[in-house]
């Protein structure tokens, strides 16, 4: 499980949003849980690793080594 989270904002038709939330509730899942699963499944289909390297962290640790 990831230690930190980031927000993803999307625009969706209000009727679709309501239908999606209702469907999620019938599955006893939150919309966030379903979207995270969809993203993981999509990444798996594209053969991408679940944990993509974070360039910002690499830059920070690289600058710390120079000191």
N, C-alpha and C. Protein backbone atom coordinates (compact mmCIF):
# COMPACT_ATOMS: atom_id res chain seq x y z
N UNK A 1 0.84 -1.18 0.00
CA UNK A 1 0.00 0.00 0.00
C UNK A 1 0.89 1.24 0.00
N UNK A 2 0.46 2.27 -0.69
CA UNK A 2 1.21 3.51 -0.77
C UNK A 2 1.20 4.22 0.57
N UNK A 3 2.29 4.91 0.87
CA UNK A 3 2.38 5.63 2.14
C UNK A 3 1.82 7.04 2.04
N UNK A 4 2.00 7.66 0.88
CA UNK A 4 1.49 9.01 0.68
C UNK A 4 0.41 8.97 -0.39
N UNK A 5 -0.43 9.97 -0.41
CA UNK A 5 -1.48 10.04 -1.42
C UNK A 5 -1.40 11.36 -2.16
N UNK A 6 -1.97 11.36 -3.36
CA UNK A 6 -2.08 12.58 -4.16
C UNK A 6 -3.50 12.64 -4.68
N UNK A 7 -3.98 13.83 -4.89
CA UNK A 7 -5.35 14.02 -5.33
C UNK A 7 -5.40 14.03 -6.85
N UNK A 8 -6.42 13.37 -7.40
CA UNK A 8 -6.68 13.36 -8.83
C UNK A 8 -8.08 13.92 -9.02
N UNK A 9 -8.19 15.02 -9.74
CA UNK A 9 -9.48 15.66 -9.95
C UNK A 9 -9.93 15.40 -11.38
N UNK A 10 -11.16 14.93 -11.53
CA UNK A 10 -11.71 14.69 -12.86
C UNK A 10 -13.06 15.39 -12.98
N UNK A 11 -13.44 15.65 -14.21
CA UNK A 11 -14.77 16.21 -14.47
C UNK A 11 -15.63 15.10 -15.07
N UNK A 12 -16.85 14.98 -14.57
CA UNK A 12 -17.75 13.92 -15.02
C UNK A 12 -19.18 14.46 -14.99
N UNK A 13 -19.97 13.96 -15.89
CA UNK A 13 -21.38 14.33 -15.94
C UNK A 13 -22.03 13.99 -14.59
N UNK A 14 -22.82 14.91 -14.02
CA UNK A 14 -23.43 14.67 -12.71
C UNK A 14 -24.28 13.38 -12.64
N UNK A 15 -24.98 13.06 -13.71
CA UNK A 15 -25.79 11.84 -13.70
C UNK A 15 -24.90 10.60 -13.65
N UNK A 16 -23.79 10.63 -14.39
CA UNK A 16 -22.86 9.49 -14.36
C UNK A 16 -22.20 9.37 -12.99
N UNK A 17 -21.88 10.51 -12.38
CA UNK A 17 -21.28 10.50 -11.04
C UNK A 17 -22.23 9.84 -10.05
N UNK A 18 -23.47 10.22 -10.08
CA UNK A 18 -24.46 9.65 -9.17
C UNK A 18 -24.63 8.15 -9.41
N UNK A 19 -24.69 7.75 -10.68
CA UNK A 19 -24.82 6.34 -11.01
C UNK A 19 -23.59 5.56 -10.54
N UNK A 20 -22.41 6.14 -10.73
CA UNK A 20 -21.16 5.50 -10.31
C UNK A 20 -21.13 5.34 -8.79
N UNK A 21 -21.47 6.39 -8.07
CA UNK A 21 -21.49 6.32 -6.61
C UNK A 21 -22.49 5.29 -6.11
N UNK A 22 -23.64 5.22 -6.76
CA UNK A 22 -24.66 4.24 -6.38
C UNK A 22 -24.16 2.82 -6.63
N UNK A 23 -23.54 2.61 -7.78
CA UNK A 23 -22.99 1.29 -8.10
C UNK A 23 -21.89 0.90 -7.09
N UNK A 24 -21.03 1.83 -6.77
CA UNK A 24 -19.97 1.57 -5.79
C UNK A 24 -20.58 1.16 -4.45
N UNK A 25 -21.62 1.87 -4.04
CA UNK A 25 -22.27 1.56 -2.76
C UNK A 25 -22.84 0.14 -2.76
N UNK A 26 -23.40 -0.29 -3.90
CA UNK A 26 -23.97 -1.65 -3.96
C UNK A 26 -22.87 -2.70 -3.86
N UNK A 27 -21.63 -2.34 -4.20
CA UNK A 27 -20.49 -3.25 -4.12
C UNK A 27 -19.74 -3.09 -2.79
N UNK A 28 -20.28 -2.23 -1.91
CA UNK A 28 -19.66 -1.94 -0.61
C UNK A 28 -18.23 -1.43 -0.79
N UNK A 29 -18.06 -0.53 -1.78
CA UNK A 29 -16.76 0.09 -2.04
C UNK A 29 -16.95 1.59 -2.19
N UNK A 30 -15.89 2.33 -1.92
CA UNK A 30 -15.95 3.76 -2.15
C UNK A 30 -15.55 4.04 -3.60
N UNK A 31 -15.98 5.16 -4.15
CA UNK A 31 -15.53 5.51 -5.50
C UNK A 31 -14.00 5.56 -5.60
N UNK A 32 -13.32 6.04 -4.57
CA UNK A 32 -11.85 6.09 -4.59
C UNK A 32 -11.25 4.70 -4.70
N UNK A 33 -11.80 3.74 -3.98
CA UNK A 33 -11.30 2.36 -4.05
C UNK A 33 -11.45 1.81 -5.46
N UNK A 34 -12.59 2.08 -6.09
CA UNK A 34 -12.84 1.57 -7.44
C UNK A 34 -11.90 2.24 -8.44
N UNK A 35 -11.71 3.55 -8.32
CA UNK A 35 -10.82 4.26 -9.25
C UNK A 35 -9.39 3.77 -9.08
N UNK A 36 -8.93 3.58 -7.84
CA UNK A 36 -7.58 3.06 -7.63
C UNK A 36 -7.43 1.68 -8.26
N UNK A 37 -8.45 0.84 -8.13
CA UNK A 37 -8.39 -0.50 -8.75
C UNK A 37 -8.35 -0.38 -10.27
N UNK A 38 -9.16 0.52 -10.83
CA UNK A 38 -9.16 0.72 -12.28
C UNK A 38 -7.79 1.17 -12.77
N UNK A 39 -7.16 2.08 -12.03
CA UNK A 39 -5.84 2.57 -12.42
C UNK A 39 -4.82 1.44 -12.35
N UNK A 40 -4.83 0.66 -11.26
CA UNK A 40 -3.89 -0.47 -11.14
C UNK A 40 -4.09 -1.47 -12.28
N UNK A 41 -5.36 -1.81 -12.57
CA UNK A 41 -5.65 -2.75 -13.65
C UNK A 41 -5.18 -2.22 -15.00
N UNK A 42 -5.40 -0.93 -15.24
CA UNK A 42 -4.97 -0.32 -16.50
C UNK A 42 -3.45 -0.36 -16.62
N UNK A 43 -2.76 -0.04 -15.53
CA UNK A 43 -1.30 -0.08 -15.55
C UNK A 43 -0.80 -1.50 -15.78
N UNK A 44 -1.44 -2.48 -15.18
CA UNK A 44 -1.07 -3.88 -15.41
C UNK A 44 -1.25 -4.26 -16.87
N UNK A 45 -2.33 -3.82 -17.47
CA UNK A 45 -2.58 -4.12 -18.89
C UNK A 45 -1.51 -3.50 -19.78
N UNK A 46 -0.96 -2.37 -19.35
CA UNK A 46 0.06 -1.67 -20.13
C UNK A 46 1.46 -2.12 -19.76
N UNK A 47 1.56 -3.11 -18.88
CA UNK A 47 2.85 -3.63 -18.40
C UNK A 47 3.70 -2.57 -17.71
N UNK A 48 3.06 -1.69 -16.97
CA UNK A 48 3.78 -0.69 -16.17
C UNK A 48 3.89 -1.20 -14.74
N UNK A 49 4.98 -0.90 -14.08
CA UNK A 49 5.11 -1.33 -12.68
C UNK A 49 4.12 -0.58 -11.79
N UNK A 50 3.71 -1.22 -10.71
CA UNK A 50 2.76 -0.60 -9.78
C UNK A 50 3.36 0.63 -9.12
N UNK A 51 4.65 0.59 -8.84
CA UNK A 51 5.32 1.73 -8.21
C UNK A 51 6.24 2.38 -9.24
N UNK A 52 5.79 3.47 -9.81
CA UNK A 52 6.57 4.18 -10.82
C UNK A 52 7.60 5.04 -10.09
N UNK A 53 8.86 5.06 -10.55
CA UNK A 53 9.88 5.88 -9.88
C UNK A 53 9.47 7.34 -9.79
N UNK A 54 9.88 7.98 -8.72
CA UNK A 54 9.51 9.37 -8.48
C UNK A 54 10.71 10.26 -8.80
N UNK A 55 10.72 10.95 -9.93
CA UNK A 55 11.86 11.79 -10.30
C UNK A 55 12.18 12.85 -9.26
N UNK A 56 11.17 13.41 -8.59
CA UNK A 56 11.42 14.46 -7.61
C UNK A 56 12.26 13.92 -6.45
N UNK A 57 11.99 12.69 -6.02
CA UNK A 57 12.77 12.11 -4.94
C UNK A 57 14.20 11.83 -5.39
N UNK A 58 14.36 11.38 -6.63
CA UNK A 58 15.69 11.10 -7.15
C UNK A 58 16.52 12.38 -7.18
N UNK A 59 15.90 13.50 -7.57
CA UNK A 59 16.62 14.77 -7.60
C UNK A 59 17.03 15.20 -6.20
N UNK A 60 16.14 15.02 -5.21
CA UNK A 60 16.46 15.43 -3.84
C UNK A 60 17.62 14.62 -3.30
N UNK A 61 17.57 13.30 -3.47
CA UNK A 61 18.64 12.48 -2.93
C UNK A 61 19.94 12.72 -3.70
N UNK A 62 19.86 13.05 -4.98
CA UNK A 62 21.04 13.35 -5.75
C UNK A 62 21.72 14.63 -5.27
N UNK A 63 20.94 15.65 -4.94
CA UNK A 63 21.53 16.89 -4.45
C UNK A 63 22.09 16.71 -3.05
N UNK A 64 21.49 15.81 -2.27
CA UNK A 64 21.99 15.59 -0.90
C UNK A 64 23.36 14.92 -0.95
N UNK A 65 23.61 14.10 -1.95
CA UNK A 65 24.90 13.40 -2.07
C UNK A 65 26.03 14.38 -2.40
N UNK A 66 25.72 15.45 -3.14
CA UNK A 66 26.74 16.40 -3.58
C UNK A 66 27.29 17.21 -2.42
N UNK A 67 26.52 17.36 -1.36
CA UNK A 67 26.94 18.20 -0.24
C UNK A 67 27.98 17.55 0.59
